[in-house]
Amino acid sequence: MKIYERDYTYLTDEELKLWDEKKEAEKVGKLGGKWIRKSLFREYPKAARHFMSLFPNNYLDIEELKNESELYAKNMLKC
Protein backbone atom coordinates (compact mmCIF):
# COMPACT_ATOMS: atom_id res chain seq x y z
CA MET A 1 0.00 0.00 0.00
CA LYS A 2 1.27 3.47 -0.88
CA ILE A 3 0.32 6.83 0.57
CA TYR A 4 1.13 8.66 -2.66
CA GLU A 5 0.09 8.24 -6.29
CA ARG A 6 3.70 8.60 -7.42
CA ASP A 7 6.41 5.96 -7.02
CA TYR A 8 9.22 7.77 -5.19
CA THR A 9 11.73 4.92 -5.58
CA TYR A 10 13.10 6.70 -8.65
CA LEU A 11 13.82 10.32 -9.55
CA THR A 12 13.44 12.09 -12.86
CA ASP A 13 16.45 13.71 -14.54
CA GLU A 14 15.13 17.15 -13.59
CA GLU A 15 14.74 16.16 -9.92
CA LEU A 16 18.25 14.69 -9.87
CA LYS A 17 19.63 17.91 -11.33
CA LEU A 18 17.84 20.08 -8.74
CA TRP A 19 18.95 17.80 -5.92
CA ASP A 20 22.58 17.96 -7.07
CA GLU A 21 22.38 21.77 -7.22
CA LYS A 22 21.09 21.91 -3.63
CA LYS A 23 23.81 19.52 -2.44
CA GLU A 24 26.44 21.77 -4.02
CA ALA A 25 24.84 24.85 -2.42
CA GLU A 26 25.20 23.16 0.99
CA LYS A 27 28.98 23.51 0.82
CA VAL A 28 29.94 26.62 2.79
CA GLY A 29 33.68 26.12 3.18
CA LYS A 30 36.55 23.72 3.59
CA LEU A 31 38.42 22.69 6.70
CA GLY A 32 41.49 20.70 5.81
CA GLY A 33 40.34 18.27 3.14
CA LYS A 34 36.71 18.12 4.31
CA TRP A 35 33.76 20.25 3.25
CA ILE A 36 31.74 22.11 5.86
CA ARG A 37 28.08 21.86 4.97
CA LYS A 38 24.89 23.63 5.98
CA SER A 39 21.90 21.34 5.57
CA LEU A 40 19.36 22.45 2.97
CA PHE A 41 17.25 19.30 3.37
CA ARG A 42 13.99 21.23 3.51
CA GLU A 43 14.84 22.87 0.17
CA TYR A 44 15.51 19.57 -1.63
CA PRO A 45 12.88 18.62 -4.21
CA LYS A 46 9.98 16.77 -2.61
CA ALA A 47 10.83 13.61 -4.56
CA ALA A 48 14.43 13.70 -3.28
CA ARG A 49 13.26 13.93 0.33
CA HIS A 50 11.04 10.89 -0.25
CA PHE A 51 13.77 9.05 -2.18
CA MET A 52 16.25 9.41 0.71
CA SER A 53 13.82 7.75 3.12
CA LEU A 54 14.04 4.08 4.06
CA PHE A 55 10.42 3.72 2.88
CA PRO A 56 10.10 6.32 0.08
CA ASN A 57 6.47 5.59 -0.78
CA ASN A 58 5.35 5.82 2.85
CA TYR A 59 7.28 8.90 3.96
CA LEU A 60 5.51 11.70 5.83
CA ASP A 61 7.19 14.79 4.43
CA ILE A 62 8.09 17.39 7.06
CA GLU A 63 7.33 20.23 4.66
CA GLU A 64 3.79 18.97 4.08
CA LEU A 65 3.22 18.34 7.79
CA LYS A 66 3.95 22.01 8.55
CA ASN A 67 0.75 23.07 6.78
CA GLU A 68 -1.70 22.29 9.58
CA SER A 69 -4.70 24.01 7.99
CA GLU A 70 -4.44 21.91 4.82
CA LEU A 71 -4.05 18.70 6.86
CA TYR A 72 -7.05 19.64 8.96
CA ALA A 73 -9.12 20.36 5.83
CA LYS A 74 -8.18 17.00 4.30
CA ASN A 75 -9.07 15.25 7.55
CA MET A 76 -12.46 16.98 7.69
CA LEU A 77 -13.26 15.85 4.15
CA LYS A 78 -12.83 12.22 5.18
CA CYS A 79 -15.20 12.51 8.17
PDB file of N, CA and C in Angstrom:
ATOM      1  N   MET A   1       0.839  -1.178   0.000  1.00  0.00           N
ATOM      2  CA  MET A   1       0.000   0.000   0.000  1.00  0.00           C
ATOM      3  C   MET A   1       0.889   1.248   0.000  1.00  0.00           C
ATOM      4  N   LYS A   2       0.533   2.215  -0.800  1.00  0.00           N
ATOM      5  CA  LYS A   2       1.275   3.465  -0.883  1.00  0.00           C
ATOM      6  C   LYS A   2       0.399   4.621  -0.427  1.00  0.00           C
ATOM      7  N   ILE A   3       1.033   5.619   0.167  1.00  0.00           N
ATOM      8  CA  ILE A   3       0.318   6.827   0.572  1.00  0.00           C
ATOM      9  C   ILE A   3       0.131   7.742  -0.637  1.00  0.00           C
ATOM     10  N   TYR A   4       1.101   7.713  -1.551  1.00  0.00           N
ATOM     11  CA  TYR A   4       1.132   8.655  -2.660  1.00  0.00           C
ATOM     12  C   TYR A   4       0.836   7.968  -3.989  1.00  0.00           C
ATOM     13  N   GLU A   5       0.344   8.738  -4.943  1.00  0.00           N
ATOM     14  CA  GLU A   5       0.087   8.238  -6.294  1.00  0.00           C
ATOM     15  C   GLU A   5       1.394   7.930  -7.016  1.00  0.00           C
ATOM     16  N   ARG A   6       2.409   8.701  -6.739  1.00  0.00           N
ATOM     17  CA  ARG A   6       3.698   8.600  -7.423  1.00  0.00           C
ATOM     18  C   ARG A   6       4.596   7.567  -6.757  1.00  0.00           C
ATOM     19  N   ASP A   7       5.406   6.884  -7.547  1.00  0.00           N
ATOM     20  CA  ASP A   7       6.406   5.962  -7.023  1.00  0.00           C
ATOM     21  C   ASP A   7       7.694   6.750  -6.793  1.00  0.00           C
ATOM     22  N   TYR A   8       8.054   6.959  -5.531  1.00  0.00           N
ATOM     23  CA  TYR A   8       9.224   7.767  -5.188  1.00  0.00           C
ATOM     24  C   TYR A   8      10.515   6.946  -5.093  1.00  0.00           C
ATOM     25  N   THR A   9      10.509   5.722  -5.601  1.00  0.00           N
ATOM     26  CA  THR A   9      11.734   4.923  -5.581  1.00  0.00           C
ATOM     27  C   THR A   9      12.655   5.275  -6.742  1.00  0.00           C
ATOM     28  N   TYR A  10      12.235   6.204  -7.574  1.00  0.00           N
ATOM     29  CA  TYR A  10      13.096   6.704  -8.654  1.00  0.00           C
ATOM     30  C   TYR A  10      12.901   8.213  -8.770  1.00  0.00           C
ATOM     31  N   LEU A  11      13.898   8.883  -9.340  1.00  0.00           N
ATOM     32  CA  LEU A  11      13.822  10.324  -9.552  1.00  0.00           C
ATOM     33  C   LEU A  11      13.953  10.618 -11.038  1.00  0.00           C
ATOM     34  N   THR A  12      13.294  11.667 -11.474  1.00  0.00           N
ATOM     35  CA  THR A  12      13.436  12.094 -12.863  1.00  0.00           C
ATOM     36  C   THR A  12      14.781  12.804 -13.029  1.00  0.00           C
ATOM     37  N   ASP A  13      15.194  13.001 -14.272  1.00  0.00           N
ATOM     38  CA  ASP A  13      16.449  13.706 -14.539  1.00  0.00           C
ATOM     39  C   ASP A  13      16.418  15.123 -13.979  1.00  0.00           C
ATOM     40  N   GLU A  14      15.278  15.785 -14.095  1.00  0.00           N
ATOM     41  CA  GLU A  14      15.134  17.152 -13.587  1.00  0.00           C
ATOM     42  C   GLU A  14      15.269  17.183 -12.059  1.00  0.00           C
ATOM     43  N   GLU A  15      14.647  16.226 -11.386  1.00  0.00           N
ATOM     44  CA  GLU A  15      14.739  16.159  -9.924  1.00  0.00           C
ATOM     45  C   GLU A  15      16.170  15.863  -9.474  1.00  0.00           C
ATOM     46  N   LEU A  16      16.852  14.987 -10.188  1.00  0.00           N
ATOM     47  CA  LEU A  16      18.251  14.691  -9.868  1.00  0.00           C
ATOM     48  C   LEU A  16      19.124  15.934 -10.026  1.00  0.00           C
ATOM     49  N   LYS A  17      18.864  16.689 -11.086  1.00  0.00           N
ATOM     50  CA  LYS A  17      19.625  17.910 -11.335  1.00  0.00           C
ATOM     51  C   LYS A  17      19.408  18.929 -10.209  1.00  0.00           C
ATOM     52  N   LEU A  18      18.150  19.146  -9.831  1.00  0.00           N
ATOM     53  CA  LEU A  18      17.837  20.083  -8.742  1.00  0.00           C
ATOM     54  C   LEU A  18      18.442  19.634  -7.420  1.00  0.00           C
ATOM     55  N   TRP A  19      18.402  18.346  -7.148  1.00  0.00           N
ATOM     56  CA  TRP A  19      18.953  17.798  -5.916  1.00  0.00           C
ATOM     57  C   TRP A  19      20.469  18.007  -5.871  1.00  0.00           C
ATOM     58  N   ASP A  20      21.135  17.743  -6.996  1.00  0.00           N
ATOM     59  CA  ASP A  20      22.583  17.961  -7.073  1.00  0.00           C
ATOM     60  C   ASP A  20      22.941  19.436  -6.859  1.00  0.00           C
ATOM     61  N   GLU A  21      22.139  20.335  -7.416  1.00  0.00           N
ATOM     62  CA  GLU A  21      22.384  21.766  -7.225  1.00  0.00           C
ATOM     63  C   GLU A  21      22.268  22.149  -5.750  1.00  0.00           C
ATOM     64  N   LYS A  22      21.270  21.616  -5.058  1.00  0.00           N
ATOM     65  CA  LYS A  22      21.092  21.907  -3.629  1.00  0.00           C
ATOM     66  C   LYS A  22      22.232  21.320  -2.801  1.00  0.00           C
ATOM     67  N   LYS A  23      22.694  20.123  -3.173  1.00  0.00           N
ATOM     68  CA  LYS A  23      23.809  19.525  -2.444  1.00  0.00           C
ATOM     69  C   LYS A  23      25.081  20.350  -2.616  1.00  0.00           C
ATOM     70  N   GLU A  24      25.282  20.904  -3.796  1.00  0.00           N
ATOM     71  CA  GLU A  24      26.438  21.774  -4.020  1.00  0.00           C
ATOM     72  C   GLU A  24      26.302  23.082  -3.237  1.00  0.00           C
ATOM     73  N   ALA A  25      25.077  23.603  -3.148  1.00  0.00           N
ATOM     74  CA  ALA A  25      24.836  24.853  -2.418  1.00  0.00           C
ATOM     75  C   ALA A  25      25.043  24.670  -0.916  1.00  0.00           C
ATOM     76  N   GLU A  26      24.993  23.433  -0.426  1.00  0.00           N
ATOM     77  CA  GLU A  26      25.201  23.165   0.995  1.00  0.00           C
ATOM     78  C   GLU A  26      26.646  23.420   1.421  1.00  0.00           C
ATOM     79  N   LYS A  27      27.568  23.340   0.497  1.00  0.00           N
ATOM     80  CA  LYS A  27      28.984  23.510   0.817  1.00  0.00           C
ATOM     81  C   LYS A  27      29.263  24.976   1.138  1.00  0.00           C
ATOM     82  N   VAL A  28      29.682  25.238   2.380  1.00  0.00           N
ATOM     83  CA  VAL A  28      29.936  26.618   2.787  1.00  0.00           C
ATOM     84  C   VAL A  28      31.417  26.911   2.969  1.00  0.00           C
ATOM     85  N   GLY A  29      32.248  25.902   3.033  1.00  0.00           N
ATOM     86  CA  GLY A  29      33.683  26.124   3.181  1.00  0.00           C
ATOM     87  C   GLY A  29      34.418  24.811   3.344  1.00  0.00           C
ATOM     88  N   LYS A  30      35.721  24.905   3.422  1.00  0.00           N
ATOM     89  CA  LYS A  30      36.551  23.720   3.589  1.00  0.00           C
ATOM     90  C   LYS A  30      37.385  23.849   4.843  1.00  0.00           C
ATOM     91  N   LEU A  31      37.559  22.760   5.534  1.00  0.00           N
ATOM     92  CA  LEU A  31      38.418  22.688   6.700  1.00  0.00           C
ATOM     93  C   LEU A  31      39.332  21.496   6.483  1.00  0.00           C
ATOM     94  N   GLY A  32      40.578  21.778   6.191  1.00  0.00           N
ATOM     95  CA  GLY A  32      41.490  20.704   5.809  1.00  0.00           C
ATOM     96  C   GLY A  32      41.041  20.161   4.461  1.00  0.00           C
ATOM     97  N   GLY A  33      40.804  18.878   4.390  1.00  0.00           N
ATOM     98  CA  GLY A  33      40.337  18.272   3.140  1.00  0.00           C
ATOM     99  C   GLY A  33      38.846  17.984   3.140  1.00  0.00           C
ATOM    100  N   LYS A  34      38.143  18.423   4.173  1.00  0.00           N
ATOM    101  CA  LYS A  34      36.709  18.125   4.315  1.00  0.00           C
ATOM    102  C   LYS A  34      35.865  19.361   4.084  1.00  0.00           C
ATOM    103  N   TRP A  35      34.704  19.154   3.461  1.00  0.00           N
ATOM    104  CA  TRP A  35      33.759  20.251   3.246  1.00  0.00           C
ATOM    105  C   TRP A  35      32.929  20.478   4.497  1.00  0.00           C
ATOM    106  N   ILE A  36      32.684  21.723   4.813  1.00  0.00           N
ATOM    107  CA  ILE A  36      31.742  22.110   5.861  1.00  0.00           C
ATOM    108  C   ILE A  36      30.429  22.375   5.148  1.00  0.00           C
ATOM    109  N   ARG A  37      29.372  21.759   5.645  1.00  0.00           N
ATOM    110  CA  ARG A  37      28.078  21.857   4.971  1.00  0.00           C
ATOM    111  C   ARG A  37      27.015  22.437   5.894  1.00  0.00           C
ATOM    112  N   LYS A  38      26.079  23.143   5.285  1.00  0.00           N
ATOM    113  CA  LYS A  38      24.888  23.625   5.975  1.00  0.00           C
ATOM    114  C   LYS A  38      23.713  22.888   5.335  1.00  0.00           C
ATOM    115  N   SER A  39      22.970  22.161   6.112  1.00  0.00           N
ATOM    116  CA  SER A  39      21.899  21.336   5.570  1.00  0.00           C
ATOM    117  C   SER A  39      20.798  22.178   4.915  1.00  0.00           C
ATOM    118  N   LEU A  40      20.474  21.824   3.689  1.00  0.00           N
ATOM    119  CA  LEU A  40      19.356  22.447   2.973  1.00  0.00           C
ATOM    120  C   LEU A  40      18.282  21.394   2.675  1.00  0.00           C
ATOM    121  N   PHE A  41      18.161  20.414   3.574  1.00  0.00           N
ATOM    122  CA  PHE A  41      17.251  19.295   3.370  1.00  0.00           C
ATOM    123  C   PHE A  41      15.831  19.753   3.037  1.00  0.00           C
ATOM    124  N   ARG A  42      15.358  20.761   3.731  1.00  0.00           N
ATOM    125  CA  ARG A  42      13.988  21.231   3.506  1.00  0.00           C
ATOM    126  C   ARG A  42      13.804  21.876   2.134  1.00  0.00           C
ATOM    127  N   GLU A  43      14.912  22.260   1.491  1.00  0.00           N
ATOM    128  CA  GLU A  43      14.842  22.868   0.167  1.00  0.00           C
ATOM    129  C   GLU A  43      15.035  21.854  -0.955  1.00  0.00           C
ATOM    130  N   TYR A  44      15.378  20.613  -0.604  1.00  0.00           N
ATOM    131  CA  TYR A  44      15.505  19.568  -1.629  1.00  0.00           C
ATOM    132  C   TYR A  44      14.155  19.397  -2.324  1.00  0.00           C
ATOM    133  N   PRO A  45      14.158  18.930  -3.559  1.00  0.00           N
ATOM    134  CA  PRO A  45      12.877  18.624  -4.212  1.00  0.00           C
ATOM    135  C   PRO A  45      12.110  17.580  -3.388  1.00  0.00           C
ATOM    136  N   LYS A  46      10.821  17.683  -3.393  1.00  0.00           N
ATOM    137  CA  LYS A  46       9.980  16.767  -2.615  1.00  0.00           C
ATOM    138  C   LYS A  46      10.335  15.321  -2.907  1.00  0.00           C
ATOM    139  N   ALA A  47      10.520  14.990  -4.179  1.00  0.00           N
ATOM    140  CA  ALA A  47      10.831  13.613  -4.564  1.00  0.00           C
ATOM    141  C   ALA A  47      12.159  13.160  -3.962  1.00  0.00           C
ATOM    142  N   ALA A  48      13.126  14.054  -3.863  1.00  0.00           N
ATOM    143  CA  ALA A  48      14.434  13.699  -3.283  1.00  0.00           C
ATOM    144  C   ALA A  48      14.296  13.405  -1.796  1.00  0.00           C
ATOM    145  N   ARG A  49      13.473  14.187  -1.091  1.00  0.00           N
ATOM    146  CA  ARG A  49      13.262  13.926   0.334  1.00  0.00           C
ATOM    147  C   ARG A  49      12.614  12.556   0.532  1.00  0.00           C
ATOM    148  N   HIS A  50      11.672  12.211  -0.317  1.00  0.00           N
ATOM    149  CA  HIS A  50      11.043  10.887  -0.252  1.00  0.00           C
ATOM    150  C   HIS A  50      12.059   9.808  -0.599  1.00  0.00           C
ATOM    151  N   PHE A  51      12.813  10.027  -1.669  1.00  0.00           N
ATOM    152  CA  PHE A  51      13.773   9.052  -2.183  1.00  0.00           C
ATOM    153  C   PHE A  51      14.816   8.679  -1.129  1.00  0.00           C
ATOM    154  N   MET A  52      15.226   9.641  -0.303  1.00  0.00           N
ATOM    155  CA  MET A  52      16.250   9.412   0.713  1.00  0.00           C
ATOM    156  C   MET A  52      15.731   8.580   1.888  1.00  0.00           C
ATOM    157  N   SER A  53      14.428   8.459   2.010  1.00  0.00           N
ATOM    158  CA  SER A  53      13.824   7.748   3.123  1.00  0.00           C
ATOM    159  C   SER A  53      13.991   6.237   2.967  1.00  0.00           C
ATOM    160  N   LEU A  54      13.978   5.537   4.090  1.00  0.00           N
ATOM    161  CA  LEU A  54      14.044   4.082   4.061  1.00  0.00           C
ATOM    162  C   LEU A  54      12.811   3.500   3.365  1.00  0.00           C
ATOM    163  N   PHE A  55      11.665   4.149   3.528  1.00  0.00           N
ATOM    164  CA  PHE A  55      10.421   3.724   2.881  1.00  0.00           C
ATOM    165  C   PHE A  55       9.880   4.895   2.062  1.00  0.00           C
ATOM    166  N   PRO A  56      10.413   5.119   0.862  1.00  0.00           N
ATOM    167  CA  PRO A  56      10.097   6.322   0.082  1.00  0.00           C
ATOM    168  C   PRO A  56       8.616   6.518  -0.226  1.00  0.00           C
ATOM    169  N   ASN A  57       7.876   5.445  -0.423  1.00  0.00           N
ATOM    170  CA  ASN A  57       6.466   5.588  -0.784  1.00  0.00           C
ATOM    171  C   ASN A  57       5.548   5.682   0.430  1.00  0.00           C
ATOM    172  N   ASN A  58       6.126   5.677   1.619  1.00  0.00           N
ATOM    173  CA  ASN A  58       5.348   5.817   2.852  1.00  0.00           C
ATOM    174  C   ASN A  58       5.969   6.855   3.775  1.00  0.00           C
ATOM    175  N   TYR A  59       6.575   7.871   3.209  1.00  0.00           N
ATOM    176  CA  TYR A  59       7.281   8.899   3.962  1.00  0.00           C
ATOM    177  C   TYR A  59       6.350  10.077   4.232  1.00  0.00           C
ATOM    178  N   LEU A  60       6.293  10.514   5.482  1.00  0.00           N
ATOM    179  CA  LEU A  60       5.509  11.701   5.831  1.00  0.00           C
ATOM    180  C   LEU A  60       6.440  12.899   5.750  1.00  0.00           C
ATOM    181  N   ASP A  61       6.294  13.676   4.727  1.00  0.00           N
ATOM    182  CA  ASP A  61       7.194  14.786   4.426  1.00  0.00           C
ATOM    183  C   ASP A  61       7.036  15.909   5.442  1.00  0.00           C
ATOM    184  N   ILE A  62       8.146  16.350   6.031  1.00  0.00           N
ATOM    185  CA  ILE A  62       8.088  17.385   7.060  1.00  0.00           C
ATOM    186  C   ILE A  62       7.575  18.718   6.513  1.00  0.00           C
ATOM    187  N   GLU A  63       7.817  18.985   5.255  1.00  0.00           N
ATOM    188  CA  GLU A  63       7.329  20.232   4.658  1.00  0.00           C
ATOM    189  C   GLU A  63       5.810  20.212   4.510  1.00  0.00           C
ATOM    190  N   GLU A  64       5.245  19.061   4.188  1.00  0.00           N
ATOM    191  CA  GLU A  64       3.786  18.965   4.078  1.00  0.00           C
ATOM    192  C   GLU A  64       3.123  18.959   5.451  1.00  0.00           C
ATOM    193  N   LEU A  65       3.793  18.398   6.439  1.00  0.00           N
ATOM    194  CA  LEU A  65       3.219  18.340   7.788  1.00  0.00           C
ATOM    195  C   LEU A  65       3.184  19.699   8.466  1.00  0.00           C
ATOM    196  N   LYS A  66       3.965  20.660   7.976  1.00  0.00           N
ATOM    197  CA  LYS A  66       3.954  22.012   8.546  1.00  0.00           C
ATOM    198  C   LYS A  66       2.647  22.738   8.258  1.00  0.00           C
ATOM    199  N   ASN A  67       1.967  22.383   7.200  1.00  0.00           N
ATOM    200  CA  ASN A  67       0.752  23.070   6.783  1.00  0.00           C
ATOM    201  C   ASN A  67      -0.448  22.454   7.512  1.00  0.00           C
ATOM    202  N   GLU A  68      -0.655  22.877   8.738  1.00  0.00           N
ATOM    203  CA  GLU A  68      -1.698  22.295   9.580  1.00  0.00           C
ATOM    204  C   GLU A  68      -3.104  22.538   9.037  1.00  0.00           C
ATOM    205  N   SER A  69      -3.352  23.713   8.481  1.00  0.00           N
ATOM    206  CA  SER A  69      -4.702  24.010   7.994  1.00  0.00           C
ATOM    207  C   SER A  69      -5.087  23.086   6.831  1.00  0.00           C
ATOM    208  N   GLU A  70      -4.144  22.809   5.945  1.00  0.00           N
ATOM    209  CA  GLU A  70      -4.435  21.907   4.824  1.00  0.00           C
ATOM    210  C   GLU A  70      -4.667  20.480   5.324  1.00  0.00           C
ATOM    211  N   LEU A  71      -3.866  20.041   6.292  1.00  0.00           N
ATOM    212  CA  LEU A  71      -4.053  18.704   6.863  1.00  0.00           C
ATOM    213  C   LEU A  71      -5.408  18.593   7.556  1.00  0.00           C
ATOM    214  N   TYR A  72      -5.769  19.636   8.279  1.00  0.00           N
ATOM    215  CA  TYR A  72      -7.053  19.636   8.965  1.00  0.00           C
ATOM    216  C   TYR A  72      -8.193  19.579   7.952  1.00  0.00           C
ATOM    217  N   ALA A  73      -8.075  20.351   6.864  1.00  0.00           N
ATOM    218  CA  ALA A  73      -9.120  20.362   5.826  1.00  0.00           C
ATOM    219  C   ALA A  73      -9.248  18.988   5.182  1.00  0.00           C
ATOM    220  N   LYS A  74      -8.130  18.337   4.903  1.00  0.00           N
ATOM    221  CA  LYS A  74      -8.180  16.997   4.304  1.00  0.00           C
ATOM    222  C   LYS A  74      -8.821  16.003   5.269  1.00  0.00           C
ATOM    223  N   ASN A  75      -8.519  16.144   6.552  1.00  0.00           N
ATOM    224  CA  ASN A  75      -9.073  15.253   7.555  1.00  0.00           C
ATOM    225  C   ASN A  75     -10.583  15.459   7.664  1.00  0.00           C
ATOM    226  N   MET A  76     -11.040  16.698   7.593  1.00  0.00           N
ATOM    227  CA  MET A  76     -12.464  16.983   7.694  1.00  0.00           C
ATOM    228  C   MET A  76     -13.242  16.439   6.492  1.00  0.00           C
ATOM    229  N   LEU A  77     -12.603  16.386   5.326  1.00  0.00           N
ATOM    230  CA  LEU A  77     -13.264  15.846   4.153  1.00  0.00           C
ATOM    231  C   LEU A  77     -13.529  14.358   4.283  1.00  0.00           C
ATOM    232  N   LYS A  78     -12.685  13.656   5.028  1.00  0.00           N
ATOM    233  CA  LYS A  78     -12.832  12.221   5.183  1.00  0.00           C
ATOM    234  C   LYS A  78     -13.897  11.861   6.210  1.00  0.00           C
ATOM    235  N   CYS A  79     -14.232  12.794   7.105  1.00  0.00           N
ATOM    236  CA  CYS A  79     -15.204  12.510   8.173  1.00  0.00           C
ATOM    237  C   CYS A  79     -16.621  12.495   7.658  1.00  0.00           C
TER     238      CYS A  79
END
